[in-house]
Protein backbone atom coordinates (compact mmCIF):
# COMPACT_ATOMS: atom_id res chain seq x y z
CA MET A 1 23.13 284.33 8.94
CA GLN A 2 20.70 284.77 6.06
CA ASN A 3 20.23 287.93 3.96
CA SER A 4 16.96 289.25 2.44
CA GLY A 5 16.86 288.26 -1.20
CA GLY A 6 19.32 285.41 -0.64
CA ILE A 7 18.89 282.40 -2.90
CA VAL A 8 19.20 279.28 -0.78
CA ASN A 9 18.94 275.62 -1.25
CA LEU A 10 16.40 274.24 1.23
CA ASP A 11 15.81 270.68 2.41
CA VAL A 12 12.01 270.92 2.58
CA ALA A 13 11.37 267.15 2.96
CA ARG A 14 8.64 265.19 1.29
CA PRO A 15 6.15 267.45 -0.58
CA GLN A 16 2.34 267.32 -0.13
CA GLY A 17 0.22 267.88 -3.23
CA ARG A 18 1.77 270.54 -5.50
CA GLU A 19 4.24 271.87 -2.93
CA ALA A 20 7.88 272.24 -3.84
CA GLY A 21 9.81 269.46 -2.13
CA TYR A 22 13.11 267.81 -1.29
CA LEU A 23 16.20 269.83 -1.98
CA HIS A 24 14.88 272.95 -3.59
CA PRO A 25 16.06 276.56 -4.29
CA ALA A 26 14.16 279.41 -2.79
CA VAL A 27 14.42 283.17 -2.20
CA VAL A 28 14.47 284.50 1.39
CA VAL A 29 11.89 287.26 1.66
CA THR A 30 11.97 287.91 5.40
CA ALA A 31 12.93 291.50 6.28
CA GLN A 32 16.62 291.99 7.05
CA ARG A 33 15.85 293.51 10.51
CA ILE A 34 14.06 290.21 11.39
CA LEU A 35 16.89 288.09 10.00
CA ASP A 36 19.37 290.10 12.06
CA ALA A 37 17.58 288.94 15.24
CA ALA A 38 18.14 285.27 14.34
CA PRO A 39 14.52 284.18 13.95
CA THR A 40 13.38 280.61 14.47
CA VAL A 41 11.31 280.82 11.24
CA ILE A 42 12.05 282.56 7.91
CA GLN A 43 9.75 283.18 4.91
CA VAL A 44 10.84 281.93 1.62
CA VAL A 45 9.47 281.73 -1.98
CA PRO A 46 10.44 278.58 -3.94
CA LEU A 47 12.06 278.91 -7.33
CA THR A 48 11.35 276.77 -10.38
CA SER A 49 13.04 276.49 -13.75
CA THR A 50 9.69 275.82 -15.34
CA LEU A 51 8.51 279.18 -16.66
CA ARG A 52 4.74 279.04 -16.86
CA GLY A 53 3.91 282.73 -17.24
CA PHE A 54 1.65 282.79 -14.11
CA ARG A 55 0.92 286.28 -12.93
CA THR A 56 1.80 285.20 -9.44
CA GLU A 57 5.40 284.34 -10.50
CA VAL A 58 8.38 286.67 -10.99
CA VAL A 59 10.98 285.64 -13.54
CA ILE A 60 14.63 285.96 -12.45
CA GLU A 61 17.35 285.77 -15.04
CA PRO A 62 20.73 284.22 -14.17
CA ASP A 63 23.58 286.61 -13.45
CA PRO A 64 26.87 286.39 -11.56
CA THR A 65 25.42 287.69 -8.30
CA ASN A 66 22.39 285.41 -7.99
CA GLY A 67 24.18 282.11 -8.77
CA LEU A 68 21.36 280.77 -10.94
CA GLY A 69 22.23 278.56 -13.90
CA GLN A 70 19.00 279.27 -15.86
CA SER A 71 15.98 281.49 -15.99
CA SER A 72 13.82 280.79 -12.93
CA ALA A 73 10.39 281.82 -11.66
CA ALA A 74 9.88 282.83 -8.03
CA GLN A 75 6.59 281.10 -7.17
CA CYS A 76 4.97 283.85 -4.96
CA GLN A 77 1.80 281.81 -4.70
CA HIS A 78 3.81 279.23 -2.74
CA ALA A 79 5.41 281.50 -0.10
CA ARG A 80 5.96 279.62 3.08
CA ALA A 81 7.65 279.72 6.50
CA VAL A 82 10.49 277.30 7.20
CA SER A 83 13.09 276.81 9.93
CA PRO A 84 16.48 278.37 9.13
CA ALA A 85 17.83 274.85 9.92
CA ARG A 86 16.40 273.79 6.54
CA VAL A 87 18.86 275.99 4.70
CA VAL A 88 21.57 273.78 3.26
CA ARG A 89 23.61 276.54 1.58
CA THR A 90 23.30 280.04 0.13
CA VAL A 91 23.86 280.30 -3.65
CA GLY A 92 23.60 284.07 -4.28
CA ASN A 93 21.30 287.07 -4.02
CA ILE A 94 18.60 288.40 -6.40
CA GLY A 95 19.12 292.05 -5.44
CA PRO A 96 16.74 294.70 -4.22
CA LEU A 97 14.66 295.23 -7.42
CA ALA A 98 13.62 291.55 -7.86
CA LEU A 99 13.10 291.17 -4.12
CA THR A 100 10.74 294.19 -4.12
CA GLN A 101 8.79 292.71 -7.00
CA ILE A 102 8.40 289.43 -5.12
CA ARG A 103 7.28 291.12 -1.99
CA GLU A 104 4.78 293.33 -3.90
CA THR A 105 3.38 290.30 -5.68
CA ILE A 106 2.93 288.53 -2.35
CA ALA A 107 1.17 291.62 -1.00
CA VAL A 108 -1.23 291.62 -3.90
CA ILE A 109 -1.89 287.92 -3.54
CA ILE A 110 -2.94 288.32 0.10
CA ASP A 111 -4.65 291.66 -0.49
CA LEU A 112 -2.36 293.33 2.01
CA PRO A 113 -2.36 296.89 0.55
CA ARG A 114 -6.13 297.18 0.84
CA ALA A 115 -6.15 295.39 4.23
CA LEU A 116 -3.86 298.02 5.66
CA GLY A 117 -5.73 300.85 3.97
CA LEU A 118 -2.41 302.29 2.84
CA LEU A 119 -2.53 301.37 -0.82
CA THR A 120 -5.12 300.55 -3.32
CA SER A 121 -4.01 298.02 -5.91
CA THR A 122 -5.97 296.90 -8.89
CA PHE A 123 -5.44 294.18 -11.47
CA SER A 124 -6.67 294.86 -14.95
CA ARG A 125 -6.32 292.69 -18.00
CA SER A 126 -5.80 293.43 -21.61
CA SER A 127 -5.07 290.97 -24.38
CA SER A 128 -1.30 291.54 -24.00
CA ALA A 129 -0.55 292.30 -20.37
CA LEU A 130 -1.53 292.16 -16.73
CA VAL A 131 -1.30 295.54 -15.14
CA ILE A 132 -1.12 296.26 -11.35
CA THR A 133 -1.68 299.86 -10.46
CA THR A 134 -0.74 300.89 -6.96
CA PHE A 135 -1.91 304.24 -5.57
CA GLN A 136 0.08 305.85 -2.80
CA PRO A 137 -0.93 309.06 -1.07
CA ASP A 138 0.94 312.19 -2.38
CA HIS A 139 2.63 310.26 -5.12
CA ALA A 140 2.01 309.72 -8.87
CA PRO A 141 0.83 306.12 -9.14
CA PRO A 142 3.49 303.69 -10.08
CA VAL A 143 2.26 301.02 -12.49
CA MET A 144 3.68 297.51 -12.70
CA ARG A 145 2.97 295.88 -16.05
CA PHE A 146 3.61 292.20 -16.86
CA ALA A 147 3.93 291.59 -20.56
CA PRO A 148 4.26 288.02 -21.96
CA ASN A 149 7.81 287.09 -22.96
CA VAL A 150 9.07 290.27 -21.31
CA GLY A 151 8.39 290.14 -17.55
CA TRP A 152 7.54 292.83 -15.04
CA ILE A 153 8.08 296.51 -15.97
CA VAL A 154 7.48 299.47 -13.62
CA GLY A 155 6.53 302.89 -14.80
CA ARG A 156 4.28 305.87 -14.14
CA GLY A 157 1.03 307.02 -15.62
CA PRO A 158 -2.14 305.30 -16.78
CA PRO A 159 -1.68 301.77 -18.11
CA SER A 160 -3.45 302.57 -21.41
CA GLY A 161 -2.55 300.95 -24.66
CA SER A 162 -2.38 304.32 -26.31
CA GLY A 163 1.07 305.07 -25.03
CA GLY A 164 0.03 306.50 -21.63
CA PHE A 165 2.24 303.99 -19.79
CA ARG A 166 5.78 305.41 -19.38
CA PRO A 167 8.25 302.66 -18.29
CA ASN A 168 10.92 303.65 -15.87
CA PRO A 169 14.11 302.42 -17.58
CA GLN A 170 15.84 301.98 -14.16
CA ILE A 171 13.19 299.65 -12.77
CA ALA A 172 12.35 296.45 -14.70
CA TYR A 173 11.82 292.92 -13.77
CA GLY A 174 11.98 289.63 -15.59
CA LYS A 175 13.74 289.39 -18.89
CA ASN A 176 13.71 293.13 -19.36
CA ARG A 177 15.95 293.94 -16.36
């Protein structure tokens, strides 16, 4: 049985266009309650060792629990559904923080927060960072900031360059974990 956040090697066959193909690592992003029901299809995000700095990718650093041999980027823009039969083996697990970042990035890509009317997310650009601000009712807005050569950082407060952004030291993604 698979686990949410599991890093698996998939046999995804011959690729079309710019798809990941053949034997390829991926992160399982399907909710655990769905996985517990033994679905016939699971959702995965492919991993690549080519770090491009795309805003739609989440950098995952190697550690003993995830089984990665080098820094990898979860290509959220390439999320796809596959049969669990394509899983060749499980390598490790990325943990809940990186899994949450991947899921939130996918939600922003497909505009899910606005579609549900539950959250309002905005992208803003500065010369040094991409900032995603997510507003939730009755909560101070968490801010996810992507800084080049650092990765994703989550904090509270306005994403201003004048020190208004207050990183949460317990929640960081990418190289700053």
